[in-house]
Amino acid sequence: MARDKSKDDKYFNCNQEYELNYVAGLYVNRDIVKNFLKESCANNTIYHSTHAQVYKLIRDKLGYPIPD
């Protein structure tokens, strides 16, 4: 699945399961990314973060490249 770049400046919503599934679905290791997102939501790491910031955090913490 290709990334919807129009969402890059929109805030990631931790309360929406479809947001977690959308971002996790952009990566090969979906389960690892989804668990990371859930943990990051729980500890407020990605509170008030845009989608672009979430992709950068995944890159920095998990080492996965930002999807195209």
C-alpha atoms as a PDB file:
ATOM      1  CA  MET A   1       0.000   0.000   0.000  1.00  0.00           C
ATOM      2  CA  ALA A   2       1.282   3.450  -0.831  1.00  0.00           C
ATOM      3  CA  ARG A   3       1.360   6.261   1.684  1.00  0.00           C
ATOM      4  CA  ASP A   4      -1.265   9.005   1.357  1.00  0.00           C
ATOM      5  CA  LYS A   5       1.054  12.013   1.524  1.00  0.00           C
ATOM      6  CA  SER A   6      -1.904  14.369   1.972  1.00  0.00           C
ATOM      7  CA  LYS A   7      -2.127  12.996   5.541  1.00  0.00           C
ATOM      8  CA  ASP A   8       1.467  13.895   6.426  1.00  0.00           C
ATOM      9  CA  ASP A   9       0.500  17.202   8.043  1.00  0.00           C
ATOM     10  CA  LYS A  10      -2.581  15.812   9.789  1.00  0.00           C
ATOM     11  CA  TYR A  11      -2.415  14.633  13.367  1.00  0.00           C
ATOM     12  CA  PHE A  12      -2.224  10.932  14.055  1.00  0.00           C
ATOM     13  CA  ASN A  13      -5.251   9.845  16.092  1.00  0.00           C
ATOM     14  CA  CYS A  14      -4.371   7.153  18.613  1.00  0.00           C
ATOM     15  CA  ASN A  15      -8.041   6.571  19.401  1.00  0.00           C
ATOM     16  CA  GLN A  16      -8.869   5.371  15.897  1.00  0.00           C
ATOM     17  CA  GLU A  17      -8.064   1.741  15.123  1.00  0.00           C
ATOM     18  CA  TYR A  18      -8.098   2.485  11.391  1.00  0.00           C
ATOM     19  CA  GLU A  19      -5.225   4.967  11.916  1.00  0.00           C
ATOM     20  CA  LEU A  20      -3.137   2.293  13.624  1.00  0.00           C
ATOM     21  CA  ASN A  21      -3.968  -0.207  10.879  1.00  0.00           C
ATOM     22  CA  TYR A  22      -3.296   2.307   8.094  1.00  0.00           C
ATOM     23  CA  VAL A  23       0.196   3.239   9.302  1.00  0.00           C
ATOM     24  CA  ALA A  24       1.131  -0.311  10.309  1.00  0.00           C
ATOM     25  CA  GLY A  25      -0.050  -1.536   6.907  1.00  0.00           C
ATOM     26  CA  LEU A  26       2.555   0.599   5.192  1.00  0.00           C
ATOM     27  CA  TYR A  27       5.322  -1.579   6.638  1.00  0.00           C
ATOM     28  CA  VAL A  28       6.331  -5.189   6.029  1.00  0.00           C
ATOM     29  CA  ASN A  29       6.494  -5.897   9.771  1.00  0.00           C
ATOM     30  CA  ARG A  30       2.950  -4.720  10.484  1.00  0.00           C
ATOM     31  CA  ASP A  31       2.609  -6.358  13.884  1.00  0.00           C
ATOM     32  CA  ILE A  32       5.830  -4.843  15.211  1.00  0.00           C
ATOM     33  CA  VAL A  33       4.867  -1.386  13.953  1.00  0.00           C
ATOM     34  CA  LYS A  34       1.312  -1.652  15.308  1.00  0.00           C
ATOM     35  CA  ASN A  35       2.581  -2.695  18.739  1.00  0.00           C
ATOM     36  CA  PHE A  36       5.072   0.172  18.655  1.00  0.00           C
ATOM     37  CA  LEU A  37       2.279   2.605  17.786  1.00  0.00           C
ATOM     38  CA  LYS A  38       0.082   1.303  20.599  1.00  0.00           C
ATOM     39  CA  GLU A  39       2.919   1.655  23.107  1.00  0.00           C
ATOM     40  CA  SER A  40       3.759   5.122  21.802  1.00  0.00           C
ATOM     41  CA  CYS A  41       0.127   6.144  22.153  1.00  0.00           C
ATOM     42  CA  ALA A  42      -0.100   4.718  25.665  1.00  0.00           C
ATOM     43  CA  ASN A  43       2.954   6.636  26.888  1.00  0.00           C
ATOM     44  CA  ASN A  44       2.032   9.817  24.933  1.00  0.00           C
ATOM     45  CA  THR A  45       5.172   9.714  22.789  1.00  0.00           C
ATOM     46  CA  ILE A  46       3.154  10.475  19.673  1.00  0.00           C
ATOM     47  CA  TYR A  47       0.506  12.653  21.307  1.00  0.00           C
ATOM     48  CA  HIS A  48      -0.089  15.648  19.011  1.00  0.00           C
ATOM     49  CA  SER A  49       2.236  14.221  16.355  1.00  0.00           C
ATOM     50  CA  THR A  50       1.593  14.480  12.655  1.00  0.00           C
ATOM     51  CA  HIS A  51       1.719  11.428  10.432  1.00  0.00           C
ATOM     52  CA  ALA A  52       5.083  12.634   9.090  1.00  0.00           C
ATOM     53  CA  GLN A  53       6.460  12.816  12.644  1.00  0.00           C
ATOM     54  CA  VAL A  54       5.161   9.301  13.354  1.00  0.00           C
ATOM     55  CA  TYR A  55       6.941   7.951  10.249  1.00  0.00           C
ATOM     56  CA  LYS A  56      10.176   9.617  11.362  1.00  0.00           C
ATOM     57  CA  LEU A  57       9.840   8.141  14.849  1.00  0.00           C
ATOM     58  CA  ILE A  58       9.323   4.673  13.372  1.00  0.00           C
ATOM     59  CA  ARG A  59      12.430   5.208  11.250  1.00  0.00           C
ATOM     60  CA  ASP A  60      14.480   6.418  14.217  1.00  0.00           C
ATOM     61  CA  LYS A  61      13.305   3.838  16.768  1.00  0.00           C
ATOM     62  CA  LEU A  62      12.659   0.752  14.645  1.00  0.00           C
ATOM     63  CA  GLY A  63      14.977   1.416  11.701  1.00  0.00           C
ATOM     64  CA  TYR A  64      12.291   1.052   9.028  1.00  0.00           C
ATOM     65  CA  PRO A  65      12.453   3.498   6.121  1.00  0.00           C
ATOM     66  CA  ILE A  66       9.703   6.068   5.660  1.00  0.00           C
ATOM     67  CA  PRO A  67       7.236   4.561   3.167  1.00  0.00           C
ATOM     68  CA  ASP A  68       6.807   6.104  -0.283  1.00  0.00           C
END
